Amino acid sequence: MIVPGGEFRIMFVSKDYQKATAFYGEVLQLPVDHGWDFGPNDCGTIYVAGGGMIEVLGGLAGVEYAPPQGAWVALQVEDVDALYEHLKEHGVTILEEPKNYPWGHRIVKAQDPDGLVLWFSAPVAD
């Protein structure tokens, strides 16, 4: 069975490892848990993201690149509008500008360099 409070991480192979790691490390400023580099088909960086991790892989031997699809990553942020401006300044693809949703969250939707959809949200103040 799943361990309550255990580790959660999303993993994917990036088409452009340097671009992906710059996005997660420099643009989103996520802290690095750890990384490794044993060559082009065995490198990766694991970022701490809220209560989970995002693992960006530079390649896997015998695995052909396929862009991530059908999954979204949701991350809570302090200020959606400030993050939106930050993302625009860094040329990040914005899928939806900041918007309040009826369930009480303000959300901006963007894409990482591989097309993974990211939802950044914060509770709407009452």
N, C-alpha and C. Protein backbone atom coordinates (compact mmCIF):
# COMPACT_ATOMS: atom_id res chain seq x y z
N MET A 1 0.83 -1.19 0.00
CA MET A 1 0.00 0.00 0.00
C MET A 1 0.88 1.26 0.00
N ILE A 2 0.25 2.35 -0.37
CA ILE A 2 0.94 3.64 -0.40
C ILE A 2 1.24 4.09 1.03
N VAL A 3 2.42 4.61 1.25
CA VAL A 3 2.82 5.09 2.57
C VAL A 3 2.24 6.49 2.78
N PRO A 4 1.35 6.67 3.78
CA PRO A 4 0.84 8.02 4.07
C PRO A 4 2.00 8.95 4.41
N GLY A 5 2.02 10.10 3.78
CA GLY A 5 3.11 11.05 4.03
C GLY A 5 4.41 10.65 3.37
N GLY A 6 4.39 9.60 2.54
CA GLY A 6 5.59 9.17 1.84
C GLY A 6 5.91 10.08 0.67
N GLU A 7 6.94 9.74 -0.04
CA GLU A 7 7.41 10.56 -1.14
C GLU A 7 6.43 10.53 -2.32
N PHE A 8 6.25 11.70 -2.95
CA PHE A 8 5.51 11.82 -4.19
C PHE A 8 6.37 12.60 -5.16
N ARG A 9 6.48 12.09 -6.38
CA ARG A 9 7.21 12.84 -7.40
C ARG A 9 6.66 12.52 -8.77
N ILE A 10 6.72 13.53 -9.63
CA ILE A 10 6.41 13.34 -11.03
C ILE A 10 7.74 13.34 -11.77
N MET A 11 7.88 12.43 -12.73
CA MET A 11 9.14 12.28 -13.45
C MET A 11 8.86 12.35 -14.95
N PHE A 12 9.79 12.98 -15.69
CA PHE A 12 9.67 12.96 -17.14
C PHE A 12 11.03 13.18 -17.78
N VAL A 13 11.16 12.68 -19.00
CA VAL A 13 12.36 12.90 -19.80
C VAL A 13 12.16 14.18 -20.59
N SER A 14 13.11 15.08 -20.52
CA SER A 14 13.04 16.35 -21.22
C SER A 14 13.73 16.25 -22.58
N LYS A 15 13.17 16.94 -23.56
CA LYS A 15 13.79 16.99 -24.88
C LYS A 15 15.08 17.80 -24.83
N ASP A 16 15.08 18.88 -24.03
CA ASP A 16 16.25 19.75 -23.89
C ASP A 16 16.50 19.90 -22.39
N TYR A 17 17.36 19.04 -21.88
CA TYR A 17 17.62 18.97 -20.43
C TYR A 17 18.09 20.31 -19.87
N GLN A 18 18.99 20.99 -20.58
CA GLN A 18 19.51 22.27 -20.08
C GLN A 18 18.40 23.32 -19.98
N LYS A 19 17.54 23.35 -20.97
CA LYS A 19 16.44 24.31 -20.98
C LYS A 19 15.45 23.98 -19.84
N ALA A 20 15.16 22.72 -19.66
CA ALA A 20 14.23 22.31 -18.60
C ALA A 20 14.79 22.61 -17.22
N THR A 21 16.06 22.31 -17.00
CA THR A 21 16.63 22.58 -15.68
C THR A 21 16.76 24.07 -15.41
N ALA A 22 17.00 24.86 -16.46
CA ALA A 22 17.01 26.32 -16.29
C ALA A 22 15.62 26.81 -15.90
N PHE A 23 14.58 26.24 -16.51
CA PHE A 23 13.21 26.63 -16.20
C PHE A 23 12.87 26.34 -14.74
N TYR A 24 13.08 25.11 -14.30
CA TYR A 24 12.70 24.74 -12.93
C TYR A 24 13.62 25.35 -11.88
N GLY A 25 14.91 25.44 -12.20
CA GLY A 25 15.86 25.97 -11.23
C GLY A 25 15.97 27.47 -11.20
N GLU A 26 16.03 28.10 -12.37
CA GLU A 26 16.25 29.54 -12.44
C GLU A 26 14.95 30.34 -12.52
N VAL A 27 14.02 29.92 -13.38
CA VAL A 27 12.78 30.67 -13.53
C VAL A 27 11.86 30.43 -12.33
N LEU A 28 11.58 29.15 -12.03
CA LEU A 28 10.68 28.86 -10.90
C LEU A 28 11.40 28.89 -9.56
N GLN A 29 12.72 28.86 -9.59
CA GLN A 29 13.55 28.94 -8.39
C GLN A 29 13.23 27.83 -7.39
N LEU A 30 12.97 26.62 -7.92
CA LEU A 30 12.73 25.48 -7.04
C LEU A 30 14.07 24.97 -6.50
N PRO A 31 14.11 24.62 -5.23
CA PRO A 31 15.36 24.09 -4.68
C PRO A 31 15.65 22.69 -5.21
N VAL A 32 16.94 22.42 -5.43
CA VAL A 32 17.38 21.11 -5.90
C VAL A 32 17.53 20.19 -4.70
N ASP A 33 16.89 19.02 -4.77
CA ASP A 33 17.10 17.98 -3.76
C ASP A 33 18.43 17.28 -4.06
N HIS A 34 18.57 16.83 -5.28
CA HIS A 34 19.85 16.27 -5.73
C HIS A 34 19.80 16.06 -7.24
N GLY A 35 20.94 15.77 -7.80
CA GLY A 35 21.06 15.53 -9.23
C GLY A 35 22.24 14.63 -9.51
N TRP A 36 22.37 14.21 -10.76
CA TRP A 36 23.47 13.35 -11.18
C TRP A 36 23.72 13.55 -12.66
N ASP A 37 24.93 13.23 -13.09
CA ASP A 37 25.28 13.33 -14.50
C ASP A 37 26.32 12.26 -14.82
N PHE A 38 25.83 11.16 -15.37
CA PHE A 38 26.70 10.05 -15.79
C PHE A 38 26.71 9.93 -17.31
N GLY A 39 26.32 11.01 -17.99
CA GLY A 39 26.29 11.00 -19.45
C GLY A 39 24.91 11.36 -19.97
N PRO A 40 24.79 11.51 -21.30
CA PRO A 40 23.55 12.02 -21.88
C PRO A 40 22.32 11.14 -21.65
N ASN A 41 22.50 9.87 -21.42
CA ASN A 41 21.35 8.99 -21.16
C ASN A 41 21.22 8.60 -19.70
N ASP A 42 21.90 9.32 -18.84
CA ASP A 42 21.81 9.02 -17.40
C ASP A 42 22.13 10.29 -16.60
N CYS A 43 21.25 11.28 -16.72
CA CYS A 43 21.41 12.49 -15.94
C CYS A 43 20.03 12.96 -15.50
N GLY A 44 19.99 13.67 -14.40
CA GLY A 44 18.72 14.17 -13.92
C GLY A 44 18.89 15.12 -12.77
N THR A 45 17.84 15.86 -12.51
CA THR A 45 17.79 16.78 -11.38
C THR A 45 16.43 16.64 -10.74
N ILE A 46 16.43 16.56 -9.42
CA ILE A 46 15.19 16.44 -8.66
C ILE A 46 14.98 17.72 -7.87
N TYR A 47 13.84 18.36 -8.13
CA TYR A 47 13.48 19.63 -7.50
C TYR A 47 12.42 19.40 -6.44
N VAL A 48 12.53 20.11 -5.33
CA VAL A 48 11.50 20.10 -4.29
C VAL A 48 10.41 21.07 -4.73
N ALA A 49 9.18 20.58 -4.75
CA ALA A 49 8.05 21.39 -5.21
C ALA A 49 6.87 21.17 -4.27
N GLY A 50 6.69 22.09 -3.33
CA GLY A 50 5.62 21.91 -2.34
C GLY A 50 5.87 20.65 -1.54
N GLY A 51 4.83 19.79 -1.46
CA GLY A 51 4.96 18.54 -0.71
C GLY A 51 5.46 17.38 -1.55
N GLY A 52 5.96 17.65 -2.76
CA GLY A 52 6.43 16.60 -3.65
C GLY A 52 7.71 16.99 -4.34
N MET A 53 7.99 16.29 -5.42
CA MET A 53 9.22 16.54 -6.18
C MET A 53 8.92 16.47 -7.67
N ILE A 54 9.71 17.20 -8.44
CA ILE A 54 9.67 17.13 -9.89
C ILE A 54 11.03 16.63 -10.34
N GLU A 55 11.05 15.48 -11.03
CA GLU A 55 12.30 14.89 -11.48
C GLU A 55 12.42 15.07 -12.99
N VAL A 56 13.42 15.85 -13.40
CA VAL A 56 13.67 16.10 -14.81
C VAL A 56 14.84 15.22 -15.23
N LEU A 57 14.60 14.38 -16.22
CA LEU A 57 15.62 13.47 -16.72
C LEU A 57 16.13 13.95 -18.06
N GLY A 58 17.44 13.81 -18.27
CA GLY A 58 18.04 14.21 -19.52
C GLY A 58 17.97 13.16 -20.60
N GLY A 59 17.52 12.01 -20.26
CA GLY A 59 17.41 10.91 -21.22
C GLY A 59 17.48 9.60 -20.49
N LEU A 60 16.94 8.59 -21.10
CA LEU A 60 17.01 7.23 -20.56
C LEU A 60 17.39 6.31 -21.71
N ALA A 61 18.38 5.47 -21.50
CA ALA A 61 18.81 4.55 -22.55
C ALA A 61 17.61 3.71 -23.01
N GLY A 62 17.42 3.67 -24.31
CA GLY A 62 16.36 2.86 -24.88
C GLY A 62 14.97 3.47 -24.84
N VAL A 63 14.85 4.70 -24.31
CA VAL A 63 13.55 5.36 -24.23
C VAL A 63 13.54 6.54 -25.20
N GLU A 64 12.61 6.51 -26.14
CA GLU A 64 12.48 7.61 -27.10
C GLU A 64 11.73 8.76 -26.44
N TYR A 65 12.13 9.97 -26.76
CA TYR A 65 11.47 11.15 -26.19
C TYR A 65 10.03 11.23 -26.66
N ALA A 66 9.14 11.52 -25.73
CA ALA A 66 7.74 11.81 -26.02
C ALA A 66 7.33 12.95 -25.12
N PRO A 67 6.75 14.01 -25.68
CA PRO A 67 6.36 15.13 -24.83
C PRO A 67 5.30 14.72 -23.82
N PRO A 68 5.38 15.25 -22.59
CA PRO A 68 4.38 14.90 -21.59
C PRO A 68 3.01 15.42 -22.03
N GLN A 69 2.01 14.59 -21.83
CA GLN A 69 0.66 15.03 -22.18
C GLN A 69 -0.36 14.29 -21.31
N GLY A 70 -1.49 14.94 -21.13
CA GLY A 70 -2.55 14.32 -20.37
C GLY A 70 -2.40 14.44 -18.87
N ALA A 71 -1.35 15.11 -18.42
CA ALA A 71 -1.14 15.31 -16.98
C ALA A 71 -0.87 16.78 -16.73
N TRP A 72 -1.32 17.25 -15.59
CA TRP A 72 -1.06 18.62 -15.17
C TRP A 72 -0.39 18.57 -13.81
N VAL A 73 0.43 19.56 -13.54
CA VAL A 73 1.07 19.69 -12.23
C VAL A 73 0.52 20.96 -11.60
N ALA A 74 0.02 20.85 -10.38
CA ALA A 74 -0.52 22.00 -9.66
C ALA A 74 0.40 22.34 -8.50
N LEU A 75 0.77 23.61 -8.41
CA LEU A 75 1.67 24.08 -7.36
C LEU A 75 1.06 25.31 -6.70
N GLN A 76 1.06 25.33 -5.38
CA GLN A 76 0.55 26.49 -4.65
C GLN A 76 1.66 27.53 -4.57
N VAL A 77 1.28 28.79 -4.81
CA VAL A 77 2.23 29.90 -4.74
C VAL A 77 1.68 30.96 -3.79
N GLU A 78 2.53 31.87 -3.37
CA GLU A 78 2.09 32.94 -2.47
C GLU A 78 1.25 33.97 -3.19
N ASP A 79 1.66 34.37 -4.40
CA ASP A 79 1.01 35.47 -5.12
C ASP A 79 0.93 35.12 -6.60
N VAL A 80 -0.25 34.74 -7.06
CA VAL A 80 -0.44 34.33 -8.45
C VAL A 80 -0.10 35.45 -9.42
N ASP A 81 -0.53 36.68 -9.11
CA ASP A 81 -0.31 37.78 -10.04
C ASP A 81 1.18 38.15 -10.15
N ALA A 82 1.90 38.10 -9.04
CA ALA A 82 3.34 38.37 -9.09
C ALA A 82 4.05 37.28 -9.89
N LEU A 83 3.64 36.02 -9.69
CA LEU A 83 4.26 34.93 -10.45
C LEU A 83 3.94 35.09 -11.94
N TYR A 84 2.73 35.46 -12.27
CA TYR A 84 2.34 35.68 -13.66
C TYR A 84 3.27 36.70 -14.32
N GLU A 85 3.51 37.82 -13.66
CA GLU A 85 4.42 38.84 -14.21
C GLU A 85 5.83 38.28 -14.37
N HIS A 86 6.28 37.50 -13.38
CA HIS A 86 7.61 36.88 -13.43
C HIS A 86 7.71 35.93 -14.62
N LEU A 87 6.68 35.11 -14.82
CA LEU A 87 6.68 34.16 -15.92
C LEU A 87 6.72 34.89 -17.27
N LYS A 88 5.93 35.96 -17.39
CA LYS A 88 5.92 36.74 -18.63
C LYS A 88 7.30 37.34 -18.90
N GLU A 89 7.94 37.88 -17.86
CA GLU A 89 9.28 38.47 -18.02
C GLU A 89 10.29 37.46 -18.53
N HIS A 90 10.08 36.19 -18.20
CA HIS A 90 11.02 35.13 -18.61
C HIS A 90 10.56 34.40 -19.88
N GLY A 91 9.54 34.93 -20.55
CA GLY A 91 9.12 34.36 -21.82
C GLY A 91 8.43 33.01 -21.72
N VAL A 92 7.89 32.69 -20.56
CA VAL A 92 7.20 31.41 -20.37
C VAL A 92 5.86 31.45 -21.11
N THR A 93 5.49 30.35 -21.73
CA THR A 93 4.21 30.26 -22.43
C THR A 93 3.08 30.25 -21.40
N ILE A 94 2.22 31.24 -21.49
CA ILE A 94 1.07 31.36 -20.59
C ILE A 94 -0.14 30.76 -21.31
N LEU A 95 -0.81 29.84 -20.67
CA LEU A 95 -2.00 29.21 -21.26
C LEU A 95 -3.28 29.90 -20.81
N GLU A 96 -3.26 30.44 -19.60
CA GLU A 96 -4.41 31.18 -19.09
C GLU A 96 -3.93 32.21 -18.09
N GLU A 97 -4.33 33.45 -18.31
CA GLU A 97 -3.95 34.52 -17.39
C GLU A 97 -4.64 34.30 -16.04
N PRO A 98 -4.16 34.96 -14.99
CA PRO A 98 -4.74 34.77 -13.66
C PRO A 98 -6.26 34.96 -13.67
N LYS A 99 -6.91 34.02 -12.99
CA LYS A 99 -8.37 34.00 -12.97
C LYS A 99 -8.83 33.39 -11.64
N ASN A 100 -9.90 33.97 -11.08
CA ASN A 100 -10.50 33.40 -9.87
C ASN A 100 -11.47 32.31 -10.26
N TYR A 101 -11.40 31.20 -9.54
CA TYR A 101 -12.30 30.08 -9.77
C TYR A 101 -13.31 29.99 -8.64
N PRO A 102 -14.50 29.44 -8.90
CA PRO A 102 -15.56 29.42 -7.89
C PRO A 102 -15.23 28.61 -6.65
N TRP A 103 -14.24 27.74 -6.72
CA TRP A 103 -13.90 26.94 -5.53
C TRP A 103 -12.91 27.66 -4.62
N GLY A 104 -12.63 28.95 -4.92
CA GLY A 104 -11.86 29.76 -3.99
C GLY A 104 -10.38 29.87 -4.26
N HIS A 105 -9.95 29.60 -5.49
CA HIS A 105 -8.53 29.74 -5.84
C HIS A 105 -8.36 30.68 -7.04
N ARG A 106 -7.26 31.40 -7.03
CA ARG A 106 -6.83 32.19 -8.18
C ARG A 106 -5.74 31.37 -8.84
N ILE A 107 -5.83 31.20 -10.16
CA ILE A 107 -4.93 30.29 -10.87
C ILE A 107 -4.40 30.95 -12.14
N VAL A 108 -3.12 30.73 -12.42
CA VAL A 108 -2.53 31.03 -13.72
C VAL A 108 -2.00 29.70 -14.26
N LYS A 109 -2.23 29.47 -15.56
CA LYS A 109 -1.79 28.23 -16.19
C LYS A 109 -0.69 28.54 -17.20
N ALA A 110 0.37 27.72 -17.17
CA ALA A 110 1.52 27.93 -18.04
C ALA A 110 2.05 26.58 -18.51
N GLN A 111 3.05 26.62 -19.38
CA GLN A 111 3.71 25.40 -19.86
C GLN A 111 5.19 25.47 -19.58
N ASP A 112 5.75 24.31 -19.24
CA ASP A 112 7.21 24.24 -19.13
C ASP A 112 7.77 24.05 -20.53
N PRO A 113 9.10 24.03 -20.70
CA PRO A 113 9.68 23.93 -22.05
C PRO A 113 9.29 22.66 -22.82
N ASP A 114 8.86 21.61 -22.12
CA ASP A 114 8.45 20.38 -22.79
C ASP A 114 6.95 20.31 -23.04
N GLY A 115 6.23 21.35 -22.62
CA GLY A 115 4.79 21.37 -22.83
C GLY A 115 3.97 20.85 -21.66
N LEU A 116 4.64 20.50 -20.56
CA LEU A 116 3.91 20.05 -19.38
C LEU A 116 3.10 21.23 -18.84
N VAL A 117 1.81 21.01 -18.60
CA VAL A 117 0.93 22.07 -18.14
C VAL A 117 1.08 22.24 -16.62
N LEU A 118 1.30 23.46 -16.21
CA LEU A 118 1.49 23.80 -14.80
C LEU A 118 0.39 24.76 -14.36
N TRP A 119 -0.28 24.43 -13.26
CA TRP A 119 -1.28 25.32 -12.65
C TRP A 119 -0.65 25.88 -11.40
N PHE A 120 -0.57 27.20 -11.31
CA PHE A 120 -0.06 27.87 -10.12
C PHE A 120 -1.25 28.54 -9.44
N SER A 121 -1.48 28.19 -8.17
CA SER A 121 -2.68 28.69 -7.51
C SER A 121 -2.39 29.24 -6.12
N ALA A 122 -3.34 30.06 -5.67
CA ALA A 122 -3.33 30.58 -4.30
C ALA A 122 -4.78 30.76 -3.89
N PRO A 123 -5.07 30.51 -2.61
CA PRO A 123 -6.44 30.75 -2.15
C PRO A 123 -6.80 32.22 -2.30
N VAL A 124 -8.06 32.46 -2.66
CA VAL A 124 -8.56 33.84 -2.77
C VAL A 124 -8.89 34.32 -1.39
N ALA A 125 -8.38 35.51 -1.03
CA ALA A 125 -8.66 36.08 0.29
C ALA A 125 -10.13 36.42 0.40
N ASP A 126 -10.70 36.14 1.57
CA ASP A 126 -12.13 36.44 1.79
C ASP A 126 -12.33 37.92 2.02
